[in-house]
Full PDB file with SEQRES, HELIX, SHEET, SSBOND, CRYST1, ORIGX, SCALE, CONECT and MASTER records, all heavy atoms in Angstrom:
SEQRES   1 A   39  SER THR LEU THR SER MET VAL PRO ARG ASP SER LEU VAL          
SEQRES   2 A   39  LEU ALA THR LYS ALA PHE TYR ALA MET SER GLY ASP PRO          
SEQRES   3 A   39  ASN ASP ARG GLY LEU SER ARG LYS HIS LEU LEU ALA SER          
HELIX    1 AA1 ARG A    9  SER A   11  5                                   3    
HELIX    2 AA2 ARG A   33  ALA A   38  1                                   6    
CRYST1    1.000    1.000    1.000  90.00  90.00  90.00 P 1           1          
ORIGX1      1.000000  0.000000  0.000000        0.00000                         
ORIGX2      0.000000  1.000000  0.000000        0.00000                         
ORIGX3      0.000000  0.000000  1.000000        0.00000                         
SCALE1      1.000000  0.000000  0.000000        0.00000                         
SCALE2      0.000000  1.000000  0.000000        0.00000                         
SCALE3      0.000000  0.000000  1.000000        0.00000                         
ATOM      1  N   SER A   1      14.499  -7.929  11.089  1.00  0.00           N  
ATOM      2  CA  SER A   1      15.579  -7.967  10.104  1.00  0.00           C  
ATOM      3  C   SER A   1      16.940  -7.800  10.765  1.00  0.00           C  
ATOM      4  O   SER A   1      17.919  -8.466  10.381  1.00  0.00           O  
ATOM      5  CB  SER A   1      15.370  -6.888   9.039  1.00  0.00           C  
ATOM      6  OG  SER A   1      15.452  -5.584   9.599  1.00  0.00           O  
ATOM      7  N   THR A   2      17.029  -6.940  11.773  1.00  0.00           N  
ATOM      8  CA  THR A   2      18.300  -6.728  12.452  1.00  0.00           C  
ATOM      9  C   THR A   2      18.722  -7.963  13.239  1.00  0.00           C  
ATOM     10  O   THR A   2      19.873  -8.410  13.150  1.00  0.00           O  
ATOM     11  CB  THR A   2      18.211  -5.515  13.399  1.00  0.00           C  
ATOM     12  OG1 THR A   2      17.836  -4.356  12.656  1.00  0.00           O  
ATOM     13  CG2 THR A   2      19.537  -5.264  14.086  1.00  0.00           C  
ATOM     14  N   LEU A   3      17.805  -8.518  14.001  1.00  0.00           N  
ATOM     15  CA  LEU A   3      18.142  -9.686  14.815  1.00  0.00           C  
ATOM     16  C   LEU A   3      18.518 -10.891  13.944  1.00  0.00           C  
ATOM     17  O   LEU A   3      19.509 -11.582  14.217  1.00  0.00           O  
ATOM     18  CB  LEU A   3      16.972 -10.049  15.728  1.00  0.00           C  
ATOM     19  CG  LEU A   3      16.669  -9.068  16.862  1.00  0.00           C  
ATOM     20  CD1 LEU A   3      15.383  -9.474  17.574  1.00  0.00           C  
ATOM     21  CD2 LEU A   3      17.824  -8.998  17.862  1.00  0.00           C  
ATOM     22  N   THR A   4      17.750 -11.135  12.900  1.00  0.00           N  
ATOM     23  CA  THR A   4      18.021 -12.322  12.069  1.00  0.00           C  
ATOM     24  C   THR A   4      19.237 -12.134  11.174  1.00  0.00           C  
ATOM     25  O   THR A   4      19.715 -13.104  10.578  1.00  0.00           O  
ATOM     26  CB  THR A   4      16.794 -12.686  11.210  1.00  0.00           C  
ATOM     27  OG1 THR A   4      16.388 -11.554  10.432  1.00  0.00           O  
ATOM     28  CG2 THR A   4      15.641 -13.144  12.097  1.00  0.00           C  
ATOM     29  N   SER A   5      19.746 -10.913  11.087  1.00  0.00           N  
ATOM     30  CA  SER A   5      21.013 -10.719  10.381  1.00  0.00           C  
ATOM     31  C   SER A   5      22.197 -11.093  11.265  1.00  0.00           C  
ATOM     32  O   SER A   5      23.328 -11.217  10.780  1.00  0.00           O  
ATOM     33  CB  SER A   5      21.148  -9.256   9.932  1.00  0.00           C  
ATOM     34  OG  SER A   5      21.408  -8.392  11.038  1.00  0.00           O  
ATOM     35  N   MET A   6      21.937 -11.280  12.550  1.00  0.00           N  
ATOM     36  CA  MET A   6      23.000 -11.585  13.510  1.00  0.00           C  
ATOM     37  C   MET A   6      22.952 -13.018  14.039  1.00  0.00           C  
ATOM     38  O   MET A   6      23.994 -13.614  14.330  1.00  0.00           O  
ATOM     39  CB  MET A   6      22.916 -10.621  14.697  1.00  0.00           C  
ATOM     40  CG  MET A   6      23.063  -9.158  14.336  1.00  0.00           C  
ATOM     41  SD  MET A   6      22.885  -8.099  15.808  1.00  0.00           S  
ATOM     42  CE  MET A   6      22.854  -6.465  15.075  1.00  0.00           C  
ATOM     43  N   VAL A   7      21.733 -13.559  14.181  1.00  0.00           N  
ATOM     44  CA  VAL A   7      21.574 -14.918  14.725  1.00  0.00           C  
ATOM     45  C   VAL A   7      20.483 -15.645  13.944  1.00  0.00           C  
ATOM     46  O   VAL A   7      19.646 -15.004  13.300  1.00  0.00           O  
ATOM     47  CB  VAL A   7      21.196 -14.892  16.227  1.00  0.00           C  
ATOM     48  CG1 VAL A   7      22.292 -14.253  17.050  1.00  0.00           C  
ATOM     49  CG2 VAL A   7      19.879 -14.163  16.436  1.00  0.00           C  
ATOM     50  N   PRO A   8      20.456 -16.983  13.977  1.00  0.00           N  
ATOM     51  CA  PRO A   8      19.396 -17.724  13.282  1.00  0.00           C  
ATOM     52  C   PRO A   8      18.011 -17.400  13.837  1.00  0.00           C  
ATOM     53  O   PRO A   8      17.854 -17.194  15.043  1.00  0.00           O  
ATOM     54  CB  PRO A   8      19.767 -19.191  13.533  1.00  0.00           C  
ATOM     55  CG  PRO A   8      21.219 -19.173  13.873  1.00  0.00           C  
ATOM     56  CD  PRO A   8      21.453 -17.873  14.587  1.00  0.00           C  
ATOM     57  N   ARG A   9      17.026 -17.383  12.974  1.00  0.00           N  
ATOM     58  CA  ARG A   9      15.654 -17.085  13.386  1.00  0.00           C  
ATOM     59  C   ARG A   9      15.180 -18.019  14.487  1.00  0.00           C  
ATOM     60  O   ARG A   9      14.516 -17.565  15.457  1.00  0.00           O  
ATOM     61  CB  ARG A   9      14.719 -17.192  12.160  1.00  0.00           C  
ATOM     62  CG  ARG A   9      13.215 -17.260  12.490  1.00  0.00           C  
ATOM     63  CD  ARG A   9      12.733 -15.953  13.077  1.00  0.00           C  
ATOM     64  NE  ARG A   9      11.312 -15.997  13.418  1.00  0.00           N  
ATOM     65  CZ  ARG A   9      10.831 -16.337  14.618  1.00  0.00           C  
ATOM     66  NH1 ARG A   9      11.645 -16.692  15.602  1.00  0.00           N  
ATOM     67  NH2 ARG A   9       9.533 -16.327  14.839  1.00  0.00           N  
ATOM     68  N   ASP A  10      15.486 -19.293  14.384  1.00  0.00           N  
ATOM     69  CA  ASP A  10      14.950 -20.248  15.344  1.00  0.00           C  
ATOM     70  C   ASP A  10      15.553 -20.109  16.735  1.00  0.00           C  
ATOM     71  O   ASP A  10      15.048 -20.718  17.689  1.00  0.00           O  
ATOM     72  CB  ASP A  10      15.154 -21.680  14.836  1.00  0.00           C  
ATOM     73  CG  ASP A  10      14.219 -22.026  13.690  1.00  0.00           C  
ATOM     74  OD1 ASP A  10      13.251 -21.274  13.466  1.00  0.00           O  
ATOM     75  OD2 ASP A  10      14.459 -23.034  13.002  1.00  0.00           O  
ATOM     76  N   SER A  11      16.607 -19.326  16.885  1.00  0.00           N  
ATOM     77  CA  SER A  11      17.186 -19.101  18.212  1.00  0.00           C  
ATOM     78  C   SER A  11      16.489 -17.967  18.946  1.00  0.00           C  
ATOM     79  O   SER A  11      16.802 -17.698  20.100  1.00  0.00           O  
ATOM     80  CB  SER A  11      18.683 -18.796  18.096  1.00  0.00           C  
ATOM     81  OG  SER A  11      18.896 -17.543  17.458  1.00  0.00           O  
ATOM     82  N   LEU A  12      15.548 -17.323  18.274  1.00  0.00           N  
ATOM     83  CA  LEU A  12      14.839 -16.180  18.840  1.00  0.00           C  
ATOM     84  C   LEU A  12      13.402 -16.533  19.207  1.00  0.00           C  
ATOM     85  O   LEU A  12      12.785 -17.404  18.574  1.00  0.00           O  
ATOM     86  CB  LEU A  12      14.812 -15.020  17.835  1.00  0.00           C  
ATOM     87  CG  LEU A  12      16.162 -14.494  17.351  1.00  0.00           C  
ATOM     88  CD1 LEU A  12      15.951 -13.594  16.137  1.00  0.00           C  
ATOM     89  CD2 LEU A  12      16.873 -13.732  18.468  1.00  0.00           C  
ATOM     90  N   VAL A  13      12.868 -15.861  20.192  1.00  0.00           N  
ATOM     91  CA  VAL A  13      11.440 -15.913  20.506  1.00  0.00           C  
ATOM     92  C   VAL A  13      10.900 -14.510  20.228  1.00  0.00           C  
ATOM     93  O   VAL A  13      11.188 -13.560  20.955  1.00  0.00           O  
ATOM     94  CB  VAL A  13      11.184 -16.316  21.966  1.00  0.00           C  
ATOM     95  CG1 VAL A  13       9.687 -16.273  22.273  1.00  0.00           C  
ATOM     96  CG2 VAL A  13      11.746 -17.706  22.249  1.00  0.00           C  
ATOM     97  N   LEU A  14      10.136 -14.387  19.132  1.00  0.00           N  
ATOM     98  CA  LEU A  14       9.633 -13.091  18.693  1.00  0.00           C  
ATOM     99  C   LEU A  14       8.132 -12.994  18.973  1.00  0.00           C  
ATOM    100  O   LEU A  14       7.354 -13.831  18.526  1.00  0.00           O  
ATOM    101  CB  LEU A  14       9.888 -12.891  17.199  1.00  0.00           C  
ATOM    102  CG  LEU A  14      11.351 -12.907  16.748  1.00  0.00           C  
ATOM    103  CD1 LEU A  14      11.444 -12.694  15.238  1.00  0.00           C  
ATOM    104  CD2 LEU A  14      12.166 -11.849  17.487  1.00  0.00           C  
ATOM    105  N   ALA A  15       7.769 -11.966  19.713  1.00  0.00           N  
ATOM    106  CA  ALA A  15       6.361 -11.712  20.019  1.00  0.00           C  
ATOM    107  C   ALA A  15       5.923 -10.431  19.328  1.00  0.00           C  
ATOM    108  O   ALA A  15       6.676  -9.461  19.263  1.00  0.00           O  
ATOM    109  CB  ALA A  15       6.159 -11.581  21.524  1.00  0.00           C  
ATOM    110  N   THR A  16       4.704 -10.434  18.813  1.00  0.00           N  
ATOM    111  CA  THR A  16       4.122  -9.199  18.302  1.00  0.00           C  
ATOM    112  C   THR A  16       2.661  -9.151  18.702  1.00  0.00           C  
ATOM    113  O   THR A  16       2.122 -10.117  19.259  1.00  0.00           O  
ATOM    114  CB  THR A  16       4.305  -9.062  16.776  1.00  0.00           C  
ATOM    115  OG1 THR A  16       3.983  -7.719  16.394  1.00  0.00           O  
ATOM    116  CG2 THR A  16       3.412 -10.031  16.005  1.00  0.00           C  
ATOM    117  N   LYS A  17       2.023  -8.020  18.433  1.00  0.00           N  
ATOM    118  CA  LYS A  17       0.660  -7.801  18.907  1.00  0.00           C  
ATOM    119  C   LYS A  17      -0.217  -7.246  17.806  1.00  0.00           C  
ATOM    120  O   LYS A  17       0.282  -6.680  16.829  1.00  0.00           O  
ATOM    121  CB  LYS A  17       0.646  -6.818  20.088  1.00  0.00           C  
ATOM    122  CG  LYS A  17       1.618  -7.137  21.201  1.00  0.00           C  
ATOM    123  CD  LYS A  17       1.480  -6.137  22.327  1.00  0.00           C  
ATOM    124  CE  LYS A  17       2.680  -6.135  23.233  1.00  0.00           C  
ATOM    125  NZ  LYS A  17       3.870  -5.517  22.618  1.00  0.00           N  
ATOM    126  N   ALA A  18      -1.524  -7.386  18.018  1.00  0.00           N  
ATOM    127  CA  ALA A  18      -2.517  -6.822  17.102  1.00  0.00           C  
ATOM    128  C   ALA A  18      -3.707  -6.344  17.916  1.00  0.00           C  
ATOM    129  O   ALA A  18      -4.075  -6.954  18.913  1.00  0.00           O  
ATOM    130  CB  ALA A  18      -2.965  -7.862  16.081  1.00  0.00           C  
ATOM    131  N   PHE A  19      -4.298  -5.263  17.489  1.00  0.00           N  
ATOM    132  CA  PHE A  19      -5.552  -4.719  18.008  1.00  0.00           C  
ATOM    133  C   PHE A  19      -5.742  -3.285  17.532  1.00  0.00           C  
ATOM    134  O   PHE A  19      -6.758  -2.936  16.955  1.00  0.00           O  
ATOM    135  CB  PHE A  19      -5.621  -4.736  19.543  1.00  0.00           C  
ATOM    136  CG  PHE A  19      -6.819  -3.967  20.073  1.00  0.00           C  
ATOM    137  CD1 PHE A  19      -8.081  -4.527  20.058  1.00  0.00           C  
ATOM    138  CD2 PHE A  19      -6.680  -2.668  20.553  1.00  0.00           C  
ATOM    139  CE1 PHE A  19      -9.200  -3.808  20.520  1.00  0.00           C  
ATOM    140  CE2 PHE A  19      -7.775  -1.946  21.017  1.00  0.00           C  
ATOM    141  CZ  PHE A  19      -9.041  -2.516  20.994  1.00  0.00           C  
ATOM    142  N   TYR A  20      -4.753  -2.425  17.779  1.00  0.00           N  
ATOM    143  CA  TYR A  20      -4.915  -0.997  17.527  1.00  0.00           C  
ATOM    144  C   TYR A  20      -4.974  -0.679  16.043  1.00  0.00           C  
ATOM    145  O   TYR A  20      -4.496  -1.440  15.202  1.00  0.00           O  
ATOM    146  CB  TYR A  20      -3.790  -0.211  18.199  1.00  0.00           C  
ATOM    147  CG  TYR A  20      -3.905  -0.209  19.705  1.00  0.00           C  
ATOM    148  CD1 TYR A  20      -2.871  -0.663  20.515  1.00  0.00           C  
ATOM    149  CD2 TYR A  20      -5.074   0.239  20.321  1.00  0.00           C  
ATOM    150  CE1 TYR A  20      -2.992  -0.667  21.893  1.00  0.00           C  
ATOM    151  CE2 TYR A  20      -5.202   0.235  21.691  1.00  0.00           C  
ATOM    152  CZ  TYR A  20      -4.151  -0.217  22.481  1.00  0.00           C  
ATOM    153  OH  TYR A  20      -4.294  -0.226  23.839  1.00  0.00           O  
ATOM    154  N   ALA A  21      -5.591   0.463  15.738  1.00  0.00           N  
ATOM    155  CA  ALA A  21      -5.811   0.867  14.353  1.00  0.00           C  
ATOM    156  C   ALA A  21      -4.491   1.044  13.617  1.00  0.00           C  
ATOM    157  O   ALA A  21      -3.575   1.698  14.089  1.00  0.00           O  
ATOM    158  CB  ALA A  21      -6.602   2.171  14.313  1.00  0.00           C  
ATOM    159  N   MET A  22      -4.429   0.457  12.407  1.00  0.00           N  
ATOM    160  CA  MET A  22      -3.253   0.590  11.551  1.00  0.00           C  
ATOM    161  C   MET A  22      -3.518   1.531  10.387  1.00  0.00           C  
ATOM    162  O   MET A  22      -2.617   1.834   9.610  1.00  0.00           O  
ATOM    163  CB  MET A  22      -2.843  -0.794  11.043  1.00  0.00           C  
ATOM    164  CG  MET A  22      -2.347  -1.730  12.134  1.00  0.00           C  
ATOM    165  SD  MET A  22      -0.815  -1.174  12.882  1.00  0.00           S  
ATOM    166  CE  MET A  22       0.340  -1.541  11.555  1.00  0.00           C  
ATOM    167  N   SER A  23      -4.755   1.953  10.229  1.00  0.00           N  
ATOM    168  CA  SER A  23      -5.122   2.902   9.176  1.00  0.00           C  
ATOM    169  C   SER A  23      -6.491   3.471   9.523  1.00  0.00           C  
ATOM    170  O   SER A  23      -7.056   3.169  10.584  1.00  0.00           O  
ATOM    171  CB  SER A  23      -5.160   2.207   7.810  1.00  0.00           C  
ATOM    172  OG  SER A  23      -6.287   1.348   7.725  1.00  0.00           O  
ATOM    173  N   GLY A  24      -7.050   4.244   8.617  1.00  0.00           N  
ATOM    174  CA  GLY A  24      -8.382   4.796   8.839  1.00  0.00           C  
ATOM    175  C   GLY A  24      -9.504   3.840   8.499  1.00  0.00           C  
ATOM    176  O   GLY A  24     -10.682   4.145   8.748  1.00  0.00           O  
ATOM    177  N   ASP A  25      -9.191   2.692   7.969  1.00  0.00           N  
ATOM    178  CA  ASP A  25     -10.195   1.683   7.613  1.00  0.00           C  
ATOM    179  C   ASP A  25     -10.834   1.135   8.895  1.00  0.00           C  
ATOM    180  O   ASP A  25     -10.126   0.668   9.786  1.00  0.00           O  
ATOM    181  CB  ASP A  25      -9.514   0.555   6.836  1.00  0.00           C  
ATOM    182  CG  ASP A  25     -10.487  -0.498   6.332  1.00  0.00           C  
ATOM    183  OD1 ASP A  25     -11.619  -0.593   6.865  1.00  0.00           O  
ATOM    184  OD2 ASP A  25     -10.114  -1.261   5.427  1.00  0.00           O  
ATOM    185  N   PRO A  26     -12.160   1.171   9.026  1.00  0.00           N  
ATOM    186  CA  PRO A  26     -12.806   0.683  10.245  1.00  0.00           C  
ATOM    187  C   PRO A  26     -12.592  -0.801  10.514  1.00  0.00           C  
ATOM    188  O   PRO A  26     -12.752  -1.254  11.645  1.00  0.00           O  
ATOM    189  CB  PRO A  26     -14.296   0.997  10.021  1.00  0.00           C  
ATOM    190  CG  PRO A  26     -14.444   1.124   8.544  1.00  0.00           C  
ATOM    191  CD  PRO A  26     -13.149   1.708   8.061  1.00  0.00           C  
ATOM    192  N   ASN A  27     -12.214  -1.569   9.477  1.00  0.00           N  
ATOM    193  CA  ASN A  27     -11.921  -2.985   9.675  1.00  0.00           C  
ATOM    194  C   ASN A  27     -10.451  -3.252   9.948  1.00  0.00           C  
ATOM    195  O   ASN A  27     -10.055  -4.406  10.141  1.00  0.00           O  
ATOM    196  CB  ASN A  27     -12.361  -3.796   8.448  1.00  0.00           C  
ATOM    197  CG  ASN A  27     -13.856  -4.008   8.407  1.00  0.00           C  
ATOM    198  OD1 ASN A  27     -14.467  -4.358   9.411  1.00  0.00           O  
ATOM    199  ND2 ASN A  27     -14.454  -3.779   7.247  1.00  0.00           N  
ATOM    200  N   ASP A  28      -9.635  -2.192   9.983  1.00  0.00           N  
ATOM    201  CA  ASP A  28      -8.199  -2.349  10.207  1.00  0.00           C  
ATOM    202  C   ASP A  28      -7.849  -2.077  11.663  1.00  0.00           C  
ATOM    203  O   ASP A  28      -6.886  -1.387  11.974  1.00  0.00           O  
ATOM    204  CB  ASP A  28      -7.427  -1.398   9.281  1.00  0.00           C  
ATOM    205  CG  ASP A  28      -5.976  -1.820   9.096  1.00  0.00           C  
ATOM    206  OD1 ASP A  28      -5.643  -2.954   9.473  1.00  0.00           O  
ATOM    207  OD2 ASP A  28      -5.196  -1.003   8.566  1.00  0.00           O  
ATOM    208  N   ARG A  29      -8.658  -2.644  12.541  1.00  0.00           N  
ATOM    209  CA  ARG A  29      -8.473  -2.488  13.983  1.00  0.00           C  
ATOM    210  C   ARG A  29      -9.323  -3.522  14.704  1.00  0.00           C  
ATOM    211  O   ARG A  29     -10.191  -4.157  14.107  1.00  0.00           O  
ATOM    212  CB  ARG A  29      -8.894  -1.077  14.411  1.00  0.00           C  
ATOM    213  CG  ARG A  29     -10.397  -0.817  14.259  1.00  0.00           C  
ATOM    214  CD  ARG A  29     -10.729   0.655  14.368  1.00  0.00           C  
ATOM    215  NE  ARG A  29     -10.180   1.381  13.206  1.00  0.00           N  
ATOM    216  CZ  ARG A  29     -10.085   2.696  13.143  1.00  0.00           C  
ATOM    217  NH1 ARG A  29     -10.464   3.438  14.163  1.00  0.00           N  
ATOM    218  NH2 ARG A  29      -9.605   3.284  12.066  1.00  0.00           N  
ATOM    219  N   GLY A  30      -9.081  -3.689  16.003  1.00  0.00           N  
ATOM    220  CA  GLY A  30      -9.910  -4.582  16.808  1.00  0.00           C  
ATOM    221  C   GLY A  30      -9.493  -6.040  16.713  1.00  0.00           C  
ATOM    222  O   GLY A  30      -8.422  -6.382  16.229  1.00  0.00           O  
ATOM    223  N   LEU A  31     -10.395  -6.916  17.189  1.00  0.00           N  
ATOM    224  CA  LEU A  31     -10.105  -8.344  17.258  1.00  0.00           C  
ATOM    225  C   LEU A  31     -11.076  -9.167  16.422  1.00  0.00           C  
ATOM    226  O   LEU A  31     -11.377 -10.322  16.740  1.00  0.00           O  
ATOM    227  CB  LEU A  31     -10.154  -8.820  18.718  1.00  0.00           C  
ATOM    228  CG  LEU A  31      -9.146  -8.159  19.671  1.00  0.00           C  
ATOM    229  CD1 LEU A  31      -9.318  -8.712  21.077  1.00  0.00           C  
ATOM    230  CD2 LEU A  31      -7.711  -8.346  19.186  1.00  0.00           C  
ATOM    231  N   SER A  32     -11.564  -8.579  15.340  1.00  0.00           N  
ATOM    232  CA  SER A  32     -12.414  -9.347  14.431  1.00  0.00           C  
ATOM    233  C   SER A  32     -11.574 -10.390  13.701  1.00  0.00           C  
ATOM    234  O   SER A  32     -10.340 -10.279  13.610  1.00  0.00           O  
ATOM    235  CB  SER A  32     -13.069  -8.425  13.401  1.00  0.00           C  
ATOM    236  OG  SER A  32     -12.075  -7.898  12.515  1.00  0.00           O  
ATOM    237  N   ARG A  33     -12.238 -11.400  13.160  1.00  0.00           N  
ATOM    238  CA  ARG A  33     -11.529 -12.412  12.375  1.00  0.00           C  
ATOM    239  C   ARG A  33     -10.803 -11.744  11.200  1.00  0.00           C  
ATOM    240  O   ARG A  33      -9.642 -12.061  10.918  1.00  0.00           O  
ATOM    241  CB  ARG A  33     -12.517 -13.459  11.868  1.00  0.00           C  
ATOM    242  CG  ARG A  33     -11.865 -14.566  11.047  1.00  0.00           C  
ATOM    243  CD  ARG A  33     -12.880 -15.607  10.581  1.00  0.00           C  
ATOM    244  NE  ARG A  33     -12.178 -16.703   9.928  1.00  0.00           N  
ATOM    245  CZ  ARG A  33     -11.678 -17.752  10.558  1.00  0.00           C  
ATOM    246  NH1 ARG A  33     -11.789 -17.831  11.893  1.00  0.00           N  
ATOM    247  NH2 ARG A  33     -11.042 -18.712   9.913  1.00  0.00           N  
ATOM    248  N   LYS A  34     -11.484 -10.831  10.530  1.00  0.00           N  
ATOM    249  CA  LYS A  34     -10.892 -10.158   9.375  1.00  0.00           C  
ATOM    250  C   LYS A  34      -9.601  -9.439   9.747  1.00  0.00           C  
ATOM    251  O   LYS A  34      -8.582  -9.588   9.074  1.00  0.00           O  
ATOM    252  CB  LYS A  34     -11.896  -9.165   8.780  1.00  0.00           C  
ATOM    253  CG  LYS A  34     -11.369  -8.379   7.568  1.00  0.00           C  
ATOM    254  CD  LYS A  34     -12.449  -7.478   6.998  1.00  0.00           C  
ATOM    255  CE  LYS A  34     -11.933  -6.634   5.826  1.00  0.00           C  
ATOM    256  NZ  LYS A  34     -11.504  -7.466   4.691  1.00  0.00           N  
ATOM    257  N   HIS A  35      -9.655  -8.670  10.843  1.00  0.00           N  
ATOM    258  CA  HIS A  35      -8.465  -7.898  11.205  1.00  0.00           C  
ATOM    259  C   HIS A  35      -7.340  -8.779  11.715  1.00  0.00           C  
ATOM    260  O   HIS A  35      -6.159  -8.556  11.400  1.00  0.00           O  
ATOM    261  CB  HIS A  35      -8.816  -6.855  12.263  1.00  0.00           C  
ATOM    262  CG  HIS A  35      -7.667  -5.955  12.596  1.00  0.00           C  
ATOM    263  ND1 HIS A  35      -7.184  -5.813  13.869  1.00  0.00           N  
ATOM    264  CD2 HIS A  35      -6.885  -5.171  11.796  1.00  0.00           C  
ATOM    265  CE1 HIS A  35      -6.157  -4.962  13.857  1.00  0.00           C  
ATOM    266  NE2 HIS A  35      -5.963  -4.573  12.617  1.00  0.00           N  
ATOM    267  N   LEU A  36      -7.645  -9.796  12.510  1.00  0.00           N  
ATOM    268  CA  LEU A  36      -6.597 -10.647  13.056  1.00  0.00           C  
ATOM    269  C   LEU A  36      -5.858 -11.407  11.958  1.00  0.00           C  
ATOM    270  O   LEU A  36      -4.616 -11.459  11.944  1.00  0.00           O  
ATOM    271  CB  LEU A  36      -7.179 -11.623  14.074  1.00  0.00           C  
ATOM    272  CG  LEU A  36      -7.558 -11.021  15.425  1.00  0.00           C  
ATOM    273  CD1 LEU A  36      -8.290 -12.047  16.276  1.00  0.00           C  
ATOM    274  CD2 LEU A  36      -6.314 -10.510  16.163  1.00  0.00           C  
ATOM    275  N   LEU A  37      -6.609 -11.992  11.033  1.00  0.00           N  
ATOM    276  CA  LEU A  37      -5.947 -12.758   9.975  1.00  0.00           C  
ATOM    277  C   LEU A  37      -5.114 -11.845   9.071  1.00  0.00           C  
ATOM    278  O   LEU A  37      -3.978 -12.182   8.704  1.00  0.00           O  
ATOM    279  CB  LEU A  37      -6.984 -13.523   9.148  1.00  0.00           C  
ATOM    280  CG  LEU A  37      -7.306 -14.950   9.641  1.00  0.00           C  
ATOM    281  CD1 LEU A  37      -7.820 -14.939  11.077  1.00  0.00           C  
ATOM    282  CD2 LEU A  37      -8.312 -15.629   8.721  1.00  0.00           C  
ATOM    283  N   ALA A  38      -5.667 -10.675   8.737  1.00  0.00           N  
ATOM    284  CA  ALA A  38      -4.925  -9.740   7.901  1.00  0.00           C  
ATOM    285  C   ALA A  38      -3.705  -9.200   8.649  1.00  0.00           C  
ATOM    286  O   ALA A  38      -2.631  -9.018   8.057  1.00  0.00           O  
ATOM    287  CB  ALA A  38      -5.827  -8.594   7.466  1.00  0.00           C  
ATOM    288  N   SER A  39      -3.839  -8.944   9.941  1.00  0.00           N  
ATOM    289  CA  SER A  39      -2.734  -8.398  10.729  1.00  0.00           C  
ATOM    290  C   SER A  39      -1.570  -9.371  10.801  1.00  0.00           C  
ATOM    291  O   SER A  39      -0.402  -8.973  10.669  1.00  0.00           O  
ATOM    292  CB  SER A  39      -3.206  -8.064  12.147  1.00  0.00           C  
ATOM    293  OG  SER A  39      -4.125  -6.997  12.142  1.00  0.00           O  
TER     294      SER A  39                                                      
MASTER        0    0    0    2    0    0    0    6  293    1    0    3          
END                                                                             
């Protein structure tokens, strides 16, 4: 939100990651299809 308030989104290369637990749900972690798509 901060970056795109200053420059156009397409001028940025934004990387993010998934794997680590985001809650206590056993399916809310790891590299399963369920977790990756939801993440």
